[in-house]
Amino acid sequence: MKKRIETLDEFIKKLYESGGAFDNIRPINQEEAKKVFEYVQKNIFPILGLEGEGIDTAVVGSFGKKFKDQTSGDIDIAISVDKVASENNCSVNDVFSVVDSLISKAGYNTKPMKGFNQVCIAVAIPGTNDYAQVDLMLSTSLEWSKFMYYSPDFTKAESKYKGLYRNLLLMSIISEMNKEIVKRTEDDEIEEYKQFVIRLNKGVYSVAKSFMGKRGNLVKTAKLLKDQDRFIADTPEEVVRLAFGKNTVPKDVMTFESIWALINSNDFVHKHKIKDILEKYKHYLVTSKVPFPTEVVEEFPNIFK
C-alpha cells in the first residue's frame, strides 16, 4: 500500500487541534501536565526502550511554557524513530505499528493517527479519575521536531502569539518564495505549478501540482504529482537559510514577531514575493480559524480585511 501524503492544510488542522483524539479526556493545568509527563517518562518510555527527555525524546509545543492557571489540551512528545527501531529490532517503516502495539498491549487506550505519524495515548492524571491525552510524534530528527513544533514561553513574555502564528508565516515564505508556473492551458489558465512545501515531520520538499482533472478539464483544487516530489532540506539551519538568507540562524526565527521583523526589513531576500507570501499567510490563518495578528492588519489592511 502506498504511503499517504497529507496536504499542508490537513497538517495545520491536526497540529493545532489539541486533545481531540478521545472522548474521556479533559484539559489539564500545568501542575497536572508535569505529573502526567513524569508518569510517561517512568512508565511508558521504557515500554518502547526509550531513555527519556533530552536523549531520545523531546517535549514540543507549549508544555512547561504556560502560567499555572492555564490549561493544555494535550502533551506533545517527539520520539526518536531510530531509537525505537534499534531497541525493538524492527525497521524504521514498522516503528509506527510497533509503538501502537506495544503501548496497547501494556493496557493503555491508544489512537494511532497514521497520516500524521503519531500515536495518541489516554493517560490517567495522577491523583484523579480523569485522563489526559499524550501524543507521541514519531521523529526522524529531534532537532527538526523541536524547531518546527516550537512554542514561545509565555511565562517570559517571549511572544504575544502562540507557535501557530510563527509556523504558518514560515510555511508561507517557503511555499511562495520560488513558486513557479510550469504549464498553462491554451486559454492561458494555470495547469501545473511547482513550489517548496514544509512537511512538518519530514522537512522541506519541492513538489509539483496540477489542476488538470481526469476528464481533461481544470478542477478547483490542484492535485499533488507524487512522482515529482524532491527532498530539499530537513535541518533548521538549511531551512532558515532558504527562507531568510545566509545571515539568519534558527534562533532568529522562533516567534511570529521575529519573523515579521525580518520579512519587513529591506534585506529580506524574498521581498519581491511579499504580496504572495502574505496572501498565503491569510489563507492559512483563515483555515486555522484564528484571528489575524494586529501587526499584519495594521501594516497590510488591503490584504487582511
Protein backbone atom coordinates (compact mmCIF):
# COMPACT_ATOMS: atom_id res chain seq x y z
CA MET A 1 0.00 0.00 0.00
CA LYS A 2 1.35 3.45 -0.90
CA LYS A 3 2.01 5.78 1.99
CA ARG A 4 -0.49 8.62 2.12
CA ILE A 5 0.89 12.11 1.60
CA GLU A 6 -1.00 14.74 3.55
CA THR A 7 -1.84 18.20 2.37
CA LEU A 8 -0.45 21.13 4.32
CA ASP A 9 -3.96 22.22 5.23
CA GLU A 10 -4.56 18.81 6.81
CA PHE A 11 -1.36 19.12 8.82
CA ILE A 12 -2.36 22.58 10.02
CA LYS A 13 -5.78 21.36 11.08
CA LYS A 14 -4.42 18.41 13.05
CA LEU A 15 -1.39 20.11 14.54
CA TYR A 16 -3.40 22.75 16.34
CA GLU A 17 -6.47 20.74 17.36
CA SER A 18 -5.44 19.95 20.93
CA GLY A 19 -6.69 16.95 22.85
CA GLY A 20 -9.31 15.70 20.45
CA ALA A 21 -8.46 12.00 19.98
CA PHE A 22 -10.52 10.57 22.87
CA ASP A 23 -13.90 11.19 24.46
CA ASN A 24 -12.83 10.52 28.07
CA ILE A 25 -10.11 13.13 28.48
CA ARG A 26 -10.05 16.71 29.74
CA PRO A 27 -7.70 19.70 29.60
CA ILE A 28 -5.04 19.71 32.31
CA ASN A 29 -3.49 22.53 34.31
CA GLN A 30 0.27 22.94 34.38
CA GLU A 31 0.83 21.07 37.64
CA GLU A 32 -1.18 18.13 36.29
CA ALA A 33 0.72 18.30 33.00
CA LYS A 34 4.00 17.98 34.90
CA LYS A 35 2.74 14.90 36.77
CA VAL A 36 1.44 13.30 33.58
CA PHE A 37 4.77 13.85 31.85
CA GLU A 38 6.67 12.38 34.78
CA TYR A 39 4.37 9.35 34.63
CA VAL A 40 5.02 8.93 30.89
CA GLN A 41 8.78 9.11 31.43
CA LYS A 42 8.66 6.49 34.17
CA ASN A 43 6.07 4.09 32.78
CA ILE A 44 5.66 4.49 29.00
CA PHE A 45 9.10 5.35 27.64
CA PRO A 46 10.59 2.08 29.00
CA ILE A 47 7.94 0.09 27.10
CA LEU A 48 9.47 1.41 23.87
CA GLY A 49 13.10 1.22 25.01
CA LEU A 50 13.41 4.99 25.29
CA GLU A 51 15.64 6.67 27.87
CA GLY A 52 13.81 9.99 28.04
CA GLU A 53 13.89 13.75 27.66
CA GLY A 54 16.97 15.22 26.01
CA ILE A 55 18.30 11.83 24.91
CA ASP A 56 15.86 10.14 22.56
CA THR A 57 12.68 12.14 23.22
CA ALA A 58 11.80 15.84 23.19
CA VAL A 59 8.79 17.65 24.58
CA VAL A 60 7.50 20.04 21.93
CA GLY A 61 4.76 22.65 21.93
CA SER A 62 3.71 24.66 24.95
CA PHE A 63 4.36 22.17 27.78
CA GLY A 64 6.14 23.97 30.63
CA LYS A 65 5.69 27.35 28.97
CA LYS A 66 2.33 28.41 30.40
CA PHE A 67 1.26 30.01 33.67
CA LYS A 68 -0.01 27.72 36.43
CA ASP A 69 -3.67 28.62 35.92
CA GLN A 70 -3.56 27.96 32.17
CA THR A 71 -4.58 24.60 30.73
CA SER A 72 -3.25 22.34 27.98
CA GLY A 73 -5.35 20.15 25.73
CA ASP A 74 -2.59 17.54 25.44
CA ILE A 75 1.15 16.95 25.79
CA ASP A 76 3.15 16.54 22.59
CA ILE A 77 6.33 14.47 22.74
CA ALA A 78 8.62 13.75 19.78
CA ILE A 79 10.27 10.31 19.99
CA SER A 80 13.25 9.03 18.04
CA VAL A 81 12.23 6.61 15.29
CA ASP A 82 15.78 5.30 15.02
CA LYS A 83 15.98 4.51 18.74
CA VAL A 84 12.65 2.67 18.80
CA ALA A 85 13.67 0.67 15.73
CA SER A 86 17.02 -0.24 17.26
CA GLU A 87 15.61 -1.23 20.65
CA ASN A 88 12.81 -3.34 19.17
CA ASN A 89 14.68 -4.94 16.26
CA CYS A 90 12.30 -3.58 13.65
CA SER A 91 12.62 -1.49 10.52
CA VAL A 92 12.02 2.26 10.57
CA ASN A 93 8.93 1.68 8.44
CA ASP A 94 7.46 -0.60 11.11
CA VAL A 95 8.03 1.75 14.07
CA PHE A 96 4.56 3.27 13.91
CA SER A 97 2.78 -0.07 14.26
CA VAL A 98 5.29 -1.29 16.87
CA VAL A 99 4.74 1.80 19.07
CA ASP A 100 0.95 1.42 18.91
CA SER A 101 1.09 -2.35 19.52
CA LEU A 102 3.49 -2.22 22.49
CA ILE A 103 1.59 0.53 24.29
CA SER A 104 -1.80 -1.08 23.63
CA LYS A 105 -0.55 -4.44 24.95
CA ALA A 106 0.62 -2.66 28.10
CA GLY A 107 -3.02 -1.78 28.79
CA TYR A 108 -3.26 1.80 27.52
CA ASN A 109 -6.01 3.16 25.30
CA THR A 110 -4.37 4.37 22.10
CA LYS A 111 -5.48 6.02 18.89
CA PRO A 112 -2.99 5.62 16.03
CA MET A 113 -3.02 8.52 13.57
CA LYS A 114 -1.04 7.10 10.65
CA GLY A 115 -1.49 10.09 8.38
CA PHE A 116 0.15 12.35 10.96
CA ASN A 117 2.74 9.80 12.11
CA GLN A 118 1.74 9.91 15.76
CA VAL A 119 0.15 7.67 18.37
CA CYS A 120 -2.21 9.29 20.87
CA ILE A 121 -2.48 7.80 24.36
CA ALA A 122 -5.05 8.30 27.11
CA VAL A 123 -3.02 8.62 30.32
CA ALA A 124 -4.56 8.70 33.80
CA ILE A 125 -3.98 12.02 35.56
CA PRO A 126 -2.25 11.09 38.85
CA GLY A 127 -4.48 11.69 41.87
CA THR A 128 -7.70 11.86 39.82
CA ASN A 129 -10.12 9.59 37.99
CA ASP A 130 -9.65 11.58 34.78
CA TYR A 131 -7.46 11.15 31.74
CA ALA A 132 -5.15 13.38 29.71
CA GLN A 133 -4.06 12.99 26.11
CA VAL A 134 -0.40 12.44 25.29
CA ASP A 135 0.68 12.46 21.63
CA LEU A 136 3.83 10.54 20.71
CA MET A 137 5.10 12.08 17.49
CA LEU A 138 7.47 9.85 15.53
CA SER A 139 10.52 11.88 14.57
CA THR A 140 13.46 11.15 12.27
CA SER A 141 15.20 14.25 13.70
CA LEU A 142 14.51 15.59 17.19
CA GLU A 143 16.23 18.86 16.31
CA TRP A 144 13.87 19.37 13.38
CA SER A 145 10.84 18.49 15.51
CA LYS A 146 11.87 20.92 18.28
CA PHE A 147 12.29 23.66 15.68
CA MET A 148 9.05 23.11 13.76
CA TYR A 149 6.82 22.46 16.78
CA TYR A 150 8.32 25.26 18.85
CA SER A 151 6.07 27.28 21.12
CA PRO A 152 7.08 30.58 22.76
CA ASP A 153 7.46 30.72 26.54
CA PHE A 154 4.51 32.80 27.72
CA THR A 155 5.84 32.93 31.28
CA LYS A 156 8.74 35.00 29.93
CA ALA A 157 6.62 37.10 27.55
CA GLU A 158 8.60 35.70 24.62
CA SER A 159 5.72 36.44 22.25
CA LYS A 160 2.14 37.67 22.17
CA TYR A 161 1.19 34.82 19.87
CA LYS A 162 1.19 31.03 20.09
CA GLY A 163 3.52 28.99 17.89
CA LEU A 164 0.83 28.54 15.24
CA TYR A 165 1.30 32.13 14.05
CA ARG A 166 5.04 31.75 13.67
CA ASN A 167 4.85 28.37 11.94
CA LEU A 168 2.23 29.43 9.41
CA LEU A 169 4.23 32.52 8.47
CA LEU A 170 7.36 30.41 7.96
CA MET A 171 5.36 27.94 5.86
CA SER A 172 4.00 30.79 3.77
CA ILE A 173 7.50 32.05 2.99
CA ILE A 174 8.76 28.60 1.99
CA SER A 175 5.61 27.97 -0.09
CA GLU A 176 5.71 31.19 -2.11
CA MET A 177 9.38 32.18 -2.31
CA ASN A 178 10.12 30.33 -5.57
CA LYS A 179 6.69 29.22 -6.75
CA GLU A 180 6.74 28.72 -10.49
CA ILE A 181 4.11 28.10 -13.14
CA VAL A 182 5.36 25.32 -15.42
CA LYS A 183 2.37 24.76 -17.71
CA ARG A 184 -0.64 26.76 -18.93
CA THR A 185 -3.68 25.75 -20.96
CA GLU A 186 -4.44 27.08 -24.42
CA ASP A 187 -6.66 29.64 -22.65
CA ASP A 188 -3.66 30.77 -20.58
CA GLU A 189 -5.01 29.31 -17.34
CA ILE A 190 -2.62 27.73 -14.86
CA GLU A 191 -2.47 23.96 -15.37
CA GLU A 192 0.62 22.96 -13.39
CA TYR A 193 2.99 24.64 -10.97
CA LYS A 194 5.93 23.86 -8.69
CA GLN A 195 6.72 25.09 -5.19
CA PHE A 196 8.50 24.20 -1.97
CA VAL A 197 6.45 22.95 0.97
CA ILE A 198 7.21 22.23 4.61
CA ARG A 199 6.14 18.78 5.72
CA LEU A 200 6.09 19.21 9.45
CA ASN A 201 7.50 15.80 10.34
CA LYS A 202 9.92 15.49 7.41
CA GLY A 203 11.39 18.78 6.18
CA VAL A 204 11.21 20.86 3.01
CA TYR A 205 10.29 19.26 -0.30
CA SER A 206 9.92 20.51 -3.85
CA VAL A 207 6.53 19.43 -5.19
CA ALA A 208 4.53 19.76 -8.38
CA LYS A 209 0.74 20.19 -8.51
CA SER A 210 -1.72 20.02 -11.39
CA PHE A 211 -5.22 21.44 -11.85
CA MET A 212 -5.91 19.06 -14.74
CA GLY A 213 -8.67 16.59 -13.87
CA LYS A 214 -9.17 13.02 -15.08
CA ARG A 215 -11.67 14.19 -17.71
CA GLY A 216 -9.27 16.68 -19.25
CA ASN A 217 -10.79 19.72 -17.57
CA LEU A 218 -9.40 22.04 -14.89
CA VAL A 219 -10.52 21.36 -11.33
CA LYS A 220 -10.71 23.73 -8.37
CA THR A 221 -8.11 22.04 -6.15
CA ALA A 222 -4.69 21.17 -7.54
CA LYS A 223 -3.57 17.54 -7.25
CA LEU A 224 -0.13 16.58 -5.98
CA LEU A 225 2.02 14.85 -8.63
CA LYS A 226 3.69 12.43 -6.22
CA ASP A 227 6.30 11.16 -8.66
CA GLN A 228 7.83 14.64 -8.80
CA ASP A 229 8.46 15.02 -5.05
CA ARG A 230 12.06 16.01 -4.33
CA PHE A 231 13.67 16.32 -0.90
CA ILE A 232 15.34 19.70 -0.25
CA ALA A 233 16.32 20.04 3.42
CA ASP A 234 15.49 18.84 6.92
CA THR A 235 17.71 20.82 9.28
CA PRO A 236 16.66 24.12 10.89
CA GLU A 237 19.83 25.79 9.62
CA GLU A 238 19.21 24.84 5.98
CA VAL A 239 15.55 25.83 6.06
CA VAL A 240 16.26 29.19 7.66
CA ARG A 241 18.89 29.94 5.02
CA LEU A 242 16.35 29.14 2.29
CA ALA A 243 13.75 31.44 3.81
CA PHE A 244 15.90 34.35 5.00
CA GLY A 245 19.39 34.12 3.55
CA LYS A 246 22.81 33.14 4.89
CA ASN A 247 22.97 35.74 7.67
CA THR A 248 19.98 34.35 9.59
CA VAL A 249 20.13 31.43 12.05
CA PRO A 250 17.34 29.38 13.68
CA LYS A 251 17.33 31.33 16.97
CA ASP A 252 16.41 34.45 14.95
CA VAL A 253 13.07 32.99 13.80
CA MET A 254 11.46 31.38 16.84
CA THR A 255 8.48 33.76 17.22
CA PHE A 256 5.96 35.47 14.98
CA GLU A 257 7.40 38.86 15.95
CA SER A 258 10.96 37.93 14.96
CA ILE A 259 9.90 36.60 11.54
CA TRP A 260 7.63 39.58 10.98
CA ALA A 261 10.55 41.96 11.61
CA LEU A 262 12.73 40.03 9.15
CA ILE A 263 10.26 39.99 6.26
CA ASN A 264 9.58 43.70 6.70
CA SER A 265 13.27 44.61 6.61
CA ASN A 266 14.91 45.98 3.48
CA ASP A 267 17.26 42.98 3.46
CA PHE A 268 14.55 40.31 3.17
CA VAL A 269 15.72 38.09 0.30
CA HIS A 270 12.20 37.37 -0.96
CA LYS A 271 10.83 40.89 -0.71
CA HIS A 272 9.61 40.73 -4.32
CA LYS A 273 7.26 37.94 -3.20
CA ILE A 274 5.84 39.68 -0.14
CA LYS A 275 2.30 40.03 -1.52
CA ASP A 276 2.10 36.34 -2.42
CA ILE A 277 3.54 35.36 0.96
CA LEU A 278 1.02 37.42 2.89
CA GLU A 279 -1.92 36.19 0.84
CA LYS A 280 -0.84 32.62 1.56
CA TYR A 281 -0.47 33.52 5.25
CA LYS A 282 -4.02 34.87 5.26
CA HIS A 283 -5.25 31.61 3.73
CA TYR A 284 -3.54 29.55 6.43
CA LEU A 285 -4.88 31.76 9.23
CA VAL A 286 -8.42 31.51 7.86
CA THR A 287 -8.04 27.73 7.52
CA SER A 288 -6.90 27.56 11.14
CA LYS A 289 -9.85 29.74 12.25
CA VAL A 290 -7.73 32.14 14.30
CA PRO A 291 -7.76 35.97 14.39
CA PHE A 292 -5.26 37.90 12.30
CA PRO A 293 -2.27 39.30 14.24
CA THR A 294 -2.65 43.00 14.97
CA GLU A 295 0.59 43.80 13.14
CA VAL A 296 -0.47 42.37 9.78
CA VAL A 297 -3.83 44.13 9.85
CA GLU A 298 -2.24 47.49 10.66
CA GLU A 299 0.51 47.26 8.04
CA PHE A 300 -1.36 45.47 5.24
CA PRO A 301 -5.07 46.31 5.66
CA ASN A 302 -5.70 45.77 1.94
CA ILE A 303 -4.82 42.08 2.32
CA PHE A 304 -6.03 41.30 5.85
CA LYS A 305 -9.54 42.68 5.60
